[in-house]
Amino acid sequence: RDGRTYVVESYDARARRAYAPPAGLTLRSWLRSLRA
């Protein structure tokens, strides 16, 4: 099943800042990916 997404909530919250602009991950896009 292609397109399935998976998140480890605790890891992703800690890593988010390292992937923020210029890496391209804004707070809004991160929250959207978490919910979806």
PDB file of all heavy atoms in Angstrom:
ATOM      1  N   ARG A   1       0.848  -1.182   0.000  1.00  0.00           N
ATOM      2  CA  ARG A   1       0.000   0.000   0.000  1.00  0.00           C
ATOM      3  C   ARG A   1       0.891   1.242   0.000  1.00  0.00           C
ATOM      4  O   ARG A   1       1.452   1.620   1.024  1.00  0.00           O
ATOM      5  CB  ARG A   1      -0.930  -0.012   1.203  1.00  0.00           C
ATOM      6  CG  ARG A   1      -2.024  -1.071   1.104  1.00  0.00           C
ATOM      7  CD  ARG A   1      -2.908  -1.113   2.332  1.00  0.00           C
ATOM      8  NE  ARG A   1      -4.053  -1.996   2.115  1.00  0.00           N
ATOM      9  CZ  ARG A   1      -4.858  -2.414   3.091  1.00  0.00           C
ATOM     10  NH1 ARG A   1      -4.629  -2.039   4.344  1.00  0.00           N
ATOM     11  NH2 ARG A   1      -5.881  -3.217   2.813  1.00  0.00           N
ATOM     12  N   ASP A   2       1.011   1.816  -1.176  1.00  0.00           N
ATOM     13  CA  ASP A   2       1.863   2.993  -1.330  1.00  0.00           C
ATOM     14  C   ASP A   2       1.223   4.225  -0.689  1.00  0.00           C
ATOM     15  O   ASP A   2      -0.003   4.349  -0.608  1.00  0.00           O
ATOM     16  CB  ASP A   2       2.114   3.281  -2.809  1.00  0.00           C
ATOM     17  CG  ASP A   2       3.415   2.652  -3.303  1.00  0.00           C
ATOM     18  OD1 ASP A   2       4.144   2.079  -2.470  1.00  0.00           O
ATOM     19  OD2 ASP A   2       3.698   2.725  -4.506  1.00  0.00           O
ATOM     20  N   GLY A   3       2.095   5.136  -0.264  1.00  0.00           N
ATOM     21  CA  GLY A   3       1.633   6.407   0.274  1.00  0.00           C
ATOM     22  C   GLY A   3       1.333   6.404   1.754  1.00  0.00           C
ATOM     23  O   GLY A   3       1.083   7.463   2.336  1.00  0.00           O
ATOM     24  N   ARG A   4       1.336   5.231   2.403  1.00  0.00           N
ATOM     25  CA  ARG A   4       1.130   5.200   3.856  1.00  0.00           C
ATOM     26  C   ARG A   4       2.258   5.952   4.556  1.00  0.00           C
ATOM     27  O   ARG A   4       3.419   5.861   4.142  1.00  0.00           O
ATOM     28  CB  ARG A   4       1.115   3.748   4.374  1.00  0.00           C
ATOM     29  CG  ARG A   4      -0.213   3.057   4.222  1.00  0.00           C
ATOM     30  CD  ARG A   4      -0.131   1.595   4.640  1.00  0.00           C
ATOM     31  NE  ARG A   4       0.357   1.416   6.005  1.00  0.00           N
ATOM     32  CZ  ARG A   4      -0.395   1.486   7.094  1.00  0.00           C
ATOM     33  NH1 ARG A   4      -1.677   1.768   6.994  1.00  0.00           N
ATOM     34  NH2 ARG A   4       0.131   1.277   8.297  1.00  0.00           N
ATOM     35  N   THR A   5       1.898   6.689   5.584  1.00  0.00           N
ATOM     36  CA  THR A   5       2.905   7.431   6.337  1.00  0.00           C
ATOM     37  C   THR A   5       2.914   6.971   7.787  1.00  0.00           C
ATOM     38  O   THR A   5       1.902   6.509   8.321  1.00  0.00           O
ATOM     39  CB  THR A   5       2.649   8.944   6.274  1.00  0.00           C
ATOM     40  OG1 THR A   5       1.286   9.220   6.638  1.00  0.00           O
ATOM     41  CG2 THR A   5       2.920   9.483   4.870  1.00  0.00           C
ATOM     42  N   TYR A   6       4.067   7.112   8.410  1.00  0.00           N
ATOM     43  CA  TYR A   6       4.292   6.596   9.765  1.00  0.00           C
ATOM     44  C   TYR A   6       5.103   7.621  10.542  1.00  0.00           C
ATOM     45  O   TYR A   6       6.064   8.193  10.013  1.00  0.00           O
ATOM     46  CB  TYR A   6       5.051   5.278   9.664  1.00  0.00           C
ATOM     47  CG  TYR A   6       5.521   4.701  10.978  1.00  0.00           C
ATOM     48  CD1 TYR A   6       4.717   3.830  11.697  1.00  0.00           C
ATOM     49  CD2 TYR A   6       6.776   5.016  11.488  1.00  0.00           C
ATOM     50  CE1 TYR A   6       5.155   3.279  12.892  1.00  0.00           C
ATOM     51  CE2 TYR A   6       7.222   4.470  12.682  1.00  0.00           C
ATOM     52  CZ  TYR A   6       6.406   3.602  13.378  1.00  0.00           C
ATOM     53  OH  TYR A   6       6.840   3.074  14.565  1.00  0.00           O
ATOM     54  N   VAL A   7       4.725   7.847  11.803  1.00  0.00           N
ATOM     55  CA  VAL A   7       5.441   8.816  12.622  1.00  0.00           C
ATOM     56  C   VAL A   7       5.668   8.260  14.023  1.00  0.00           C
ATOM     57  O   VAL A   7       4.795   7.596  14.590  1.00  0.00           O
ATOM     58  CB  VAL A   7       4.670  10.157  12.702  1.00  0.00           C
ATOM     59  CG1 VAL A   7       3.305   9.993  13.385  1.00  0.00           C
ATOM     60  CG2 VAL A   7       5.494  11.219  13.422  1.00  0.00           C
ATOM     61  N   VAL A   8       6.872   8.474  14.539  1.00  0.00           N
ATOM     62  CA  VAL A   8       7.176   8.228  15.949  1.00  0.00           C
ATOM     63  C   VAL A   8       7.103   9.591  16.616  1.00  0.00           C
ATOM     64  O   VAL A   8       7.994  10.427  16.460  1.00  0.00           O
ATOM     65  CB  VAL A   8       8.570   7.596  16.130  1.00  0.00           C
ATOM     66  CG1 VAL A   8       8.812   7.270  17.603  1.00  0.00           C
ATOM     67  CG2 VAL A   8       8.709   6.348  15.281  1.00  0.00           C
ATOM     68  N   GLU A   9       6.022   9.852  17.346  1.00  0.00           N
ATOM     69  CA  GLU A   9       5.707  11.190  17.798  1.00  0.00           C
ATOM     70  C   GLU A   9       6.832  11.831  18.605  1.00  0.00           C
ATOM     71  O   GLU A   9       7.174  13.003  18.395  1.00  0.00           O
ATOM     72  CB  GLU A   9       4.419  11.174  18.638  1.00  0.00           C
ATOM     73  CG  GLU A   9       3.203  10.587  17.933  1.00  0.00           C
ATOM     74  CD  GLU A   9       3.017   9.097  18.153  1.00  0.00           C
ATOM     75  OE1 GLU A   9       4.031   8.368  18.196  1.00  0.00           O
ATOM     76  OE2 GLU A   9       1.863   8.666  18.297  1.00  0.00           O
ATOM     77  N   SER A  10       7.409  11.087  19.525  1.00  0.00           N
ATOM     78  CA  SER A  10       8.444  11.649  20.391  1.00  0.00           C
ATOM     79  C   SER A  10       9.711  11.972  19.606  1.00  0.00           C
ATOM     80  O   SER A  10      10.324  13.026  19.779  1.00  0.00           O
ATOM     81  CB  SER A  10       8.762  10.676  21.524  1.00  0.00           C
ATOM     82  OG  SER A  10       9.115   9.393  20.995  1.00  0.00           O
ATOM     83  N   TYR A  11      10.134  11.062  18.722  1.00  0.00           N
ATOM     84  CA  TYR A  11      11.321  11.309  17.904  1.00  0.00           C
ATOM     85  C   TYR A  11      11.116  12.510  16.978  1.00  0.00           C
ATOM     86  O   TYR A  11      11.992  13.359  16.822  1.00  0.00           O
ATOM     87  CB  TYR A  11      11.647  10.090  17.046  1.00  0.00           C
ATOM     88  CG  TYR A  11      12.181   8.893  17.780  1.00  0.00           C
ATOM     89  CD1 TYR A  11      12.371   7.679  17.118  1.00  0.00           C
ATOM     90  CD2 TYR A  11      12.505   8.945  19.132  1.00  0.00           C
ATOM     91  CE1 TYR A  11      12.859   6.567  17.769  1.00  0.00           C
ATOM     92  CE2 TYR A  11      12.995   7.836  19.788  1.00  0.00           C
ATOM     93  CZ  TYR A  11      13.167   6.647  19.113  1.00  0.00           C
ATOM     94  OH  TYR A  11      13.662   5.545  19.758  1.00  0.00           O
ATOM     95  N   ASP A  12       9.940  12.566  16.357  1.00  0.00           N
ATOM     96  CA  ASP A  12       9.698  13.607  15.367  1.00  0.00           C
ATOM     97  C   ASP A  12       9.651  14.983  16.013  1.00  0.00           C
ATOM     98  O   ASP A  12      10.127  15.968  15.438  1.00  0.00           O
ATOM     99  CB  ASP A  12       8.394  13.322  14.624  1.00  0.00           C
ATOM    100  CG  ASP A  12       8.409  13.863  13.207  1.00  0.00           C
ATOM    101  OD1 ASP A  12       9.493  13.879  12.594  1.00  0.00           O
ATOM    102  OD2 ASP A  12       7.353  14.277  12.713  1.00  0.00           O
ATOM    103  N   ALA A  13       9.100  15.068  17.213  1.00  0.00           N
ATOM    104  CA  ALA A  13       9.057  16.351  17.908  1.00  0.00           C
ATOM    105  C   ALA A  13      10.467  16.847  18.241  1.00  0.00           C
ATOM    106  O   ALA A  13      10.766  18.039  18.134  1.00  0.00           O
ATOM    107  CB  ALA A  13       8.225  16.222  19.185  1.00  0.00           C
ATOM    108  N   ARG A  14      11.346  15.927  18.614  1.00  0.00           N
ATOM    109  CA  ARG A  14      12.714  16.316  18.959  1.00  0.00           C
ATOM    110  C   ARG A  14      13.547  16.658  17.728  1.00  0.00           C
ATOM    111  O   ARG A  14      14.447  17.499  17.802  1.00  0.00           O
ATOM    112  CB  ARG A  14      13.392  15.182  19.731  1.00  0.00           C
ATOM    113  CG  ARG A  14      12.759  14.911  21.083  1.00  0.00           C
ATOM    114  CD  ARG A  14      13.302  13.632  21.690  1.00  0.00           C
ATOM    115  NE  ARG A  14      12.615  13.275  22.917  1.00  0.00           N
ATOM    116  CZ  ARG A  14      12.738  12.112  23.537  1.00  0.00           C
ATOM    117  NH1 ARG A  14      13.541  11.186  23.011  1.00  0.00           N
ATOM    118  NH2 ARG A  14      12.074  11.861  24.644  1.00  0.00           N
ATOM    119  N   ALA A  15      13.236  16.017  16.611  1.00  0.00           N
ATOM    120  CA  ALA A  15      14.033  16.233  15.399  1.00  0.00           C
ATOM    121  C   ALA A  15      13.539  17.398  14.551  1.00  0.00           C
ATOM    122  O   ALA A  15      14.236  17.839  13.643  1.00  0.00           O
ATOM    123  CB  ALA A  15      14.025  14.962  14.550  1.00  0.00           C
ATOM    124  N   ARG A  16      12.346  17.920  14.841  1.00  0.00           N
ATOM    125  CA  ARG A  16      11.706  18.887  13.954  1.00  0.00           C
ATOM    126  C   ARG A  16      12.577  20.090  13.650  1.00  0.00           C
ATOM    127  O   ARG A  16      12.698  20.522  12.497  1.00  0.00           O
ATOM    128  CB  ARG A  16      10.380  19.363  14.564  1.00  0.00           C
ATOM    129  CG  ARG A  16       9.622  20.345  13.681  1.00  0.00           C
ATOM    130  CD  ARG A  16       8.428  20.920  14.401  1.00  0.00           C
ATOM    131  NE  ARG A  16       8.812  21.786  15.493  1.00  0.00           N
ATOM    132  CZ  ARG A  16       9.163  23.063  15.349  1.00  0.00           C
ATOM    133  NH1 ARG A  16       9.231  23.596  14.134  1.00  0.00           N
ATOM    134  NH2 ARG A  16       9.475  23.798  16.397  1.00  0.00           N
ATOM    135  N   ARG A  17      13.213  20.644  14.649  1.00  0.00           N
ATOM    136  CA  ARG A  17      13.995  21.873  14.439  1.00  0.00           C
ATOM    137  C   ARG A  17      15.145  21.648  13.457  1.00  0.00           C
ATOM    138  O   ARG A  17      15.511  22.555  12.708  1.00  0.00           O
ATOM    139  CB  ARG A  17      14.526  22.396  15.770  1.00  0.00           C
ATOM    140  CG  ARG A  17      13.446  22.941  16.690  1.00  0.00           C
ATOM    141  CD  ARG A  17      14.049  23.565  17.943  1.00  0.00           C
ATOM    142  NE  ARG A  17      13.021  24.063  18.829  1.00  0.00           N
ATOM    143  CZ  ARG A  17      12.444  25.251  18.699  1.00  0.00           C
ATOM    144  NH1 ARG A  17      12.809  26.062  17.713  1.00  0.00           N
ATOM    145  NH2 ARG A  17      11.517  25.662  19.558  1.00  0.00           N
ATOM    146  N   ALA A  18      15.713  20.463  13.466  1.00  0.00           N
ATOM    147  CA  ALA A  18      16.829  20.189  12.557  1.00  0.00           C
ATOM    148  C   ALA A  18      16.374  20.142  11.101  1.00  0.00           C
ATOM    149  O   ALA A  18      17.187  20.312  10.191  1.00  0.00           O
ATOM    150  CB  ALA A  18      17.498  18.875  12.934  1.00  0.00           C
ATOM    151  N   TYR A  19      15.072  19.916  10.872  1.00  0.00           N
ATOM    152  CA  TYR A  19      14.547  19.852   9.508  1.00  0.00           C
ATOM    153  C   TYR A  19      13.772  21.114   9.138  1.00  0.00           C
ATOM    154  O   TYR A  19      13.148  21.167   8.079  1.00  0.00           O
ATOM    155  CB  TYR A  19      13.633  18.636   9.356  1.00  0.00           C
ATOM    156  CG  TYR A  19      14.374  17.334   9.429  1.00  0.00           C
ATOM    157  CD1 TYR A  19      14.535  16.667  10.643  1.00  0.00           C
ATOM    158  CD2 TYR A  19      14.925  16.755   8.295  1.00  0.00           C
ATOM    159  CE1 TYR A  19      15.210  15.465  10.730  1.00  0.00           C
ATOM    160  CE2 TYR A  19      15.610  15.552   8.359  1.00  0.00           C
ATOM    161  CZ  TYR A  19      15.752  14.919   9.579  1.00  0.00           C
ATOM    162  OH  TYR A  19      16.432  13.729   9.651  1.00  0.00           O
ATOM    163  N   ALA A  20      13.800  22.146  10.002  1.00  0.00           N
ATOM    164  CA  ALA A  20      13.130  23.416   9.718  1.00  0.00           C
ATOM    165  C   ALA A  20      13.850  24.135   8.592  1.00  0.00           C
ATOM    166  O   ALA A  20      14.951  23.732   8.197  1.00  0.00           O
ATOM    167  CB  ALA A  20      13.097  24.275  10.978  1.00  0.00           C
ATOM    168  N   PRO A  21      13.249  25.210   8.035  1.00  0.00           N
ATOM    169  CA  PRO A  21      13.944  25.950   6.971  1.00  0.00           C
ATOM    170  C   PRO A  21      15.384  26.242   7.383  1.00  0.00           C
ATOM    171  O   PRO A  21      15.624  26.575   8.548  1.00  0.00           O
ATOM    172  CB  PRO A  21      13.119  27.224   6.850  1.00  0.00           C
ATOM    173  CG  PRO A  21      11.751  26.828   7.306  1.00  0.00           C
ATOM    174  CD  PRO A  21      11.975  25.809   8.391  1.00  0.00           C
ATOM    175  N   PRO A  22      16.386  26.101   6.464  1.00  0.00           N
ATOM    176  CA  PRO A  22      16.210  25.886   5.023  1.00  0.00           C
ATOM    177  C   PRO A  22      15.930  24.451   4.594  1.00  0.00           C
ATOM    178  O   PRO A  22      15.843  24.176   3.404  1.00  0.00           O
ATOM    179  CB  PRO A  22      17.548  26.343   4.464  1.00  0.00           C
ATOM    180  CG  PRO A  22      18.526  26.023   5.540  1.00  0.00           C
ATOM    181  CD  PRO A  22      17.809  26.287   6.838  1.00  0.00           C
ATOM    182  N   ALA A  23      15.814  23.498   5.538  1.00  0.00           N
ATOM    183  CA  ALA A  23      15.505  22.121   5.135  1.00  0.00           C
ATOM    184  C   ALA A  23      14.081  21.999   4.606  1.00  0.00           C
ATOM    185  O   ALA A  23      13.734  21.002   3.977  1.00  0.00           O
ATOM    186  CB  ALA A  23      15.710  21.169   6.314  1.00  0.00           C
ATOM    187  N   GLY A  24      13.232  22.997   4.865  1.00  0.00           N
ATOM    188  CA  GLY A  24      11.918  23.045   4.247  1.00  0.00           C
ATOM    189  C   GLY A  24      10.755  22.668   5.134  1.00  0.00           C
ATOM    190  O   GLY A  24       9.610  22.669   4.671  1.00  0.00           O
ATOM    191  N   LEU A  25      10.962  22.353   6.411  1.00  0.00           N
ATOM    192  CA  LEU A  25       9.872  21.927   7.280  1.00  0.00           C
ATOM    193  C   LEU A  25       9.470  23.079   8.192  1.00  0.00           C
ATOM    194  O   LEU A  25      10.191  23.444   9.116  1.00  0.00           O
ATOM    195  CB  LEU A  25      10.303  20.720   8.120  1.00  0.00           C
ATOM    196  CG  LEU A  25       9.211  20.119   8.999  1.00  0.00           C
ATOM    197  CD1 LEU A  25       8.146  19.439   8.137  1.00  0.00           C
ATOM    198  CD2 LEU A  25       9.804  19.105   9.979  1.00  0.00           C
ATOM    199  N   THR A  26       8.302  23.657   7.943  1.00  0.00           N
ATOM    200  CA  THR A  26       7.768  24.701   8.810  1.00  0.00           C
ATOM    201  C   THR A  26       6.949  24.063   9.924  1.00  0.00           C
ATOM    202  O   THR A  26       6.585  22.884   9.853  1.00  0.00           O
ATOM    203  CB  THR A  26       6.883  25.672   8.017  1.00  0.00           C
ATOM    204  OG1 THR A  26       5.739  24.948   7.533  1.00  0.00           O
ATOM    205  CG2 THR A  26       7.647  26.276   6.835  1.00  0.00           C
ATOM    206  N   LEU A  27       6.647  24.853  10.942  1.00  0.00           N
ATOM    207  CA  LEU A  27       5.828  24.338  12.036  1.00  0.00           C
ATOM    208  C   LEU A  27       4.469  23.883  11.524  1.00  0.00           C
ATOM    209  O   LEU A  27       3.965  22.822  11.907  1.00  0.00           O
ATOM    210  CB  LEU A  27       5.658  25.412  13.110  1.00  0.00           C
ATOM    211  CG  LEU A  27       4.758  25.032  14.298  1.00  0.00           C
ATOM    212  CD1 LEU A  27       5.302  23.810  15.019  1.00  0.00           C
ATOM    213  CD2 LEU A  27       4.606  26.213  15.256  1.00  0.00           C
ATOM    214  N   ARG A  28       3.878  24.640  10.620  1.00  0.00           N
ATOM    215  CA  ARG A  28       2.562  24.276  10.087  1.00  0.00           C
ATOM    216  C   ARG A  28       2.635  22.972   9.293  1.00  0.00           C
ATOM    217  O   ARG A  28       1.774  22.095   9.461  1.00  0.00           O
ATOM    218  CB  ARG A  28       2.033  25.409   9.205  1.00  0.00           C
ATOM    219  CG  ARG A  28       0.685  25.099   8.575  1.00  0.00           C
ATOM    220  CD  ARG A  28       0.131  26.302   7.827  1.00  0.00           C
ATOM    221  NE  ARG A  28      -0.155  27.394   8.746  1.00  0.00           N
ATOM    222  CZ  ARG A  28      -0.678  28.566   8.354  1.00  0.00           C
ATOM    223  NH1 ARG A  28      -0.926  28.792   7.071  1.00  0.00           N
ATOM    224  NH2 ARG A  28      -0.927  29.506   9.246  1.00  0.00           N
ATOM    225  N   SER A  29       3.633  22.830   8.427  1.00  0.00           N
ATOM    226  CA  SER A  29       3.731  21.605   7.632  1.00  0.00           C
ATOM    227  C   SER A  29       4.050  20.398   8.513  1.00  0.00           C
ATOM    228  O   SER A  29       3.582  19.282   8.240  1.00  0.00           O
ATOM    229  CB  SER A  29       4.790  21.762   6.537  1.00  0.00           C
ATOM    230  OG  SER A  29       6.075  21.975   7.099  1.00  0.00           O
ATOM    231  N   TRP A  30       4.815  20.623   9.585  1.00  0.00           N
ATOM    232  CA  TRP A  30       5.103  19.519  10.501  1.00  0.00           C
ATOM    233  C   TRP A  30       3.826  19.054  11.204  1.00  0.00           C
ATOM    234  O   TRP A  30       3.547  17.856  11.282  1.00  0.00           O
ATOM    235  CB  TRP A  30       6.148  19.935  11.532  1.00  0.00           C
ATOM    236  CG  TRP A  30       6.381  18.890  12.582  1.00  0.00           C
ATOM    237  CD1 TRP A  30       6.998  17.683  12.414  1.00  0.00           C
ATOM    238  CD2 TRP A  30       5.967  18.943  13.950  1.00  0.00           C
ATOM    239  NE1 TRP A  30       7.000  16.984  13.594  1.00  0.00           N
ATOM    240  CE2 TRP A  30       6.389  17.728  14.554  1.00  0.00           C
ATOM    241  CE3 TRP A  30       5.319  19.895  14.719  1.00  0.00           C
ATOM    242  CZ2 TRP A  30       6.148  17.456  15.891  1.00  0.00           C
ATOM    243  CZ3 TRP A  30       5.077  19.621  16.059  1.00  0.00           C
ATOM    244  CH2 TRP A  30       5.495  18.408  16.632  1.00  0.00           C
ATOM    245  N   LEU A  31       3.032  19.993  11.713  1.00  0.00           N
ATOM    246  CA  LEU A  31       1.780  19.635  12.384  1.00  0.00           C
ATOM    247  C   LEU A  31       0.822  18.937  11.424  1.00  0.00           C
ATOM    248  O   LEU A  31       0.139  17.979  11.795  1.00  0.00           O
ATOM    249  CB  LEU A  31       1.120  20.878  12.976  1.00  0.00           C
ATOM    250  CG  LEU A  31       1.838  21.514  14.173  1.00  0.00           C
ATOM    251  CD1 LEU A  31       1.182  22.844  14.540  1.00  0.00           C
ATOM    252  CD2 LEU A  31       1.825  20.562  15.368  1.00  0.00           C
ATOM    253  N   ARG A  32       0.799  19.405  10.177  1.00  0.00           N
ATOM    254  CA  ARG A  32      -0.074  18.784   9.190  1.00  0.00           C
ATOM    255  C   ARG A  32       0.351  17.335   8.917  1.00  0.00           C
ATOM    256  O   ARG A  32      -0.483  16.440   8.821  1.00  0.00           O
ATOM    257  CB  ARG A  32      -0.043  19.605   7.901  1.00  0.00           C
ATOM    258  CG  ARG A  32      -1.062  19.133   6.851  1.00  0.00           C
ATOM    259  CD  ARG A  32      -1.287  20.182   5.778  1.00  0.00           C
ATOM    260  NE  ARG A  32      -0.034  20.578   5.145  1.00  0.00           N
ATOM    261  CZ  ARG A  32       0.493  21.791   5.214  1.00  0.00           C
ATOM    262  NH1 ARG A  32      -0.109  22.742   5.927  1.00  0.00           N
ATOM    263  NH2 ARG A  32       1.626  22.077   4.596  1.00  0.00           N
ATOM    264  N   SER A  33       1.661  17.098   8.814  1.00  0.00           N
ATOM    265  CA  SER A  33       2.134  15.734   8.576  1.00  0.00           C
ATOM    266  C   SER A  33       1.863  14.834   9.771  1.00  0.00           C
ATOM    267  O   SER A  33       1.568  13.646   9.614  1.00  0.00           O
ATOM    268  CB  SER A  33       3.636  15.751   8.254  1.00  0.00           C
ATOM    269  OG  SER A  33       4.395  16.123   9.395  1.00  0.00           O
ATOM    270  N   LEU A  34       1.930  15.388  10.967  1.00  0.00           N
ATOM    271  CA  LEU A  34       1.665  14.620  12.179  1.00  0.00           C
ATOM    272  C   LEU A  34       0.205  14.173  12.223  1.00  0.00           C
ATOM    273  O   LEU A  34      -0.099  13.011  12.512  1.00  0.00           O
ATOM    274  CB  LEU A  34       2.009  15.457  13.406  1.00  0.00           C
ATOM    275  CG  LEU A  34       2.152  14.744  14.744  1.00  0.00           C
ATOM    276  CD1 LEU A  34       3.344  13.809  14.717  1.00  0.00           C
ATOM    277  CD2 LEU A  34       2.291  15.757  15.879  1.00  0.00           C
ATOM    278  N   ARG A  35      -0.706  15.096  11.905  1.00  0.00           N
ATOM    279  CA  ARG A  35      -2.132  14.769  11.944  1.00  0.00           C
ATOM    280  C   ARG A  35      -2.518  13.786  10.846  1.00  0.00           C
ATOM    281  O   ARG A  35      -3.405  12.946  11.022  1.00  0.00           O
ATOM    282  CB  ARG A  35      -2.975  16.047  11.798  1.00  0.00           C
ATOM    283  CG  ARG A  35      -2.962  16.955  13.015  1.00  0.00           C
ATOM    284  CD  ARG A  35      -4.070  17.982  12.919  1.00  0.00           C
ATOM    285  NE  ARG A  35      -3.935  18.815  11.727  1.00  0.00           N
ATOM    286  CZ  ARG A  35      -3.273  19.954  11.682  1.00  0.00           C
ATOM    287  NH1 ARG A  35      -2.690  20.420  12.778  1.00  0.00           N
ATOM    288  NH2 ARG A  35      -3.207  20.656  10.569  1.00  0.00           N
ATOM    289  N   ALA A  36      -1.868  13.892   9.687  1.00  0.00           N
ATOM    290  CA  ALA A  36      -2.264  13.082   8.532  1.00  0.00           C
ATOM    291  C   ALA A  36      -1.624  11.697   8.513  1.00  0.00           C
ATOM    292  O   ALA A  36      -1.961  10.883   7.647  1.00  0.00           O
ATOM    293  CB  ALA A  36      -1.901  13.825   7.241  1.00  0.00           C
TER     294      ALA A  36
END
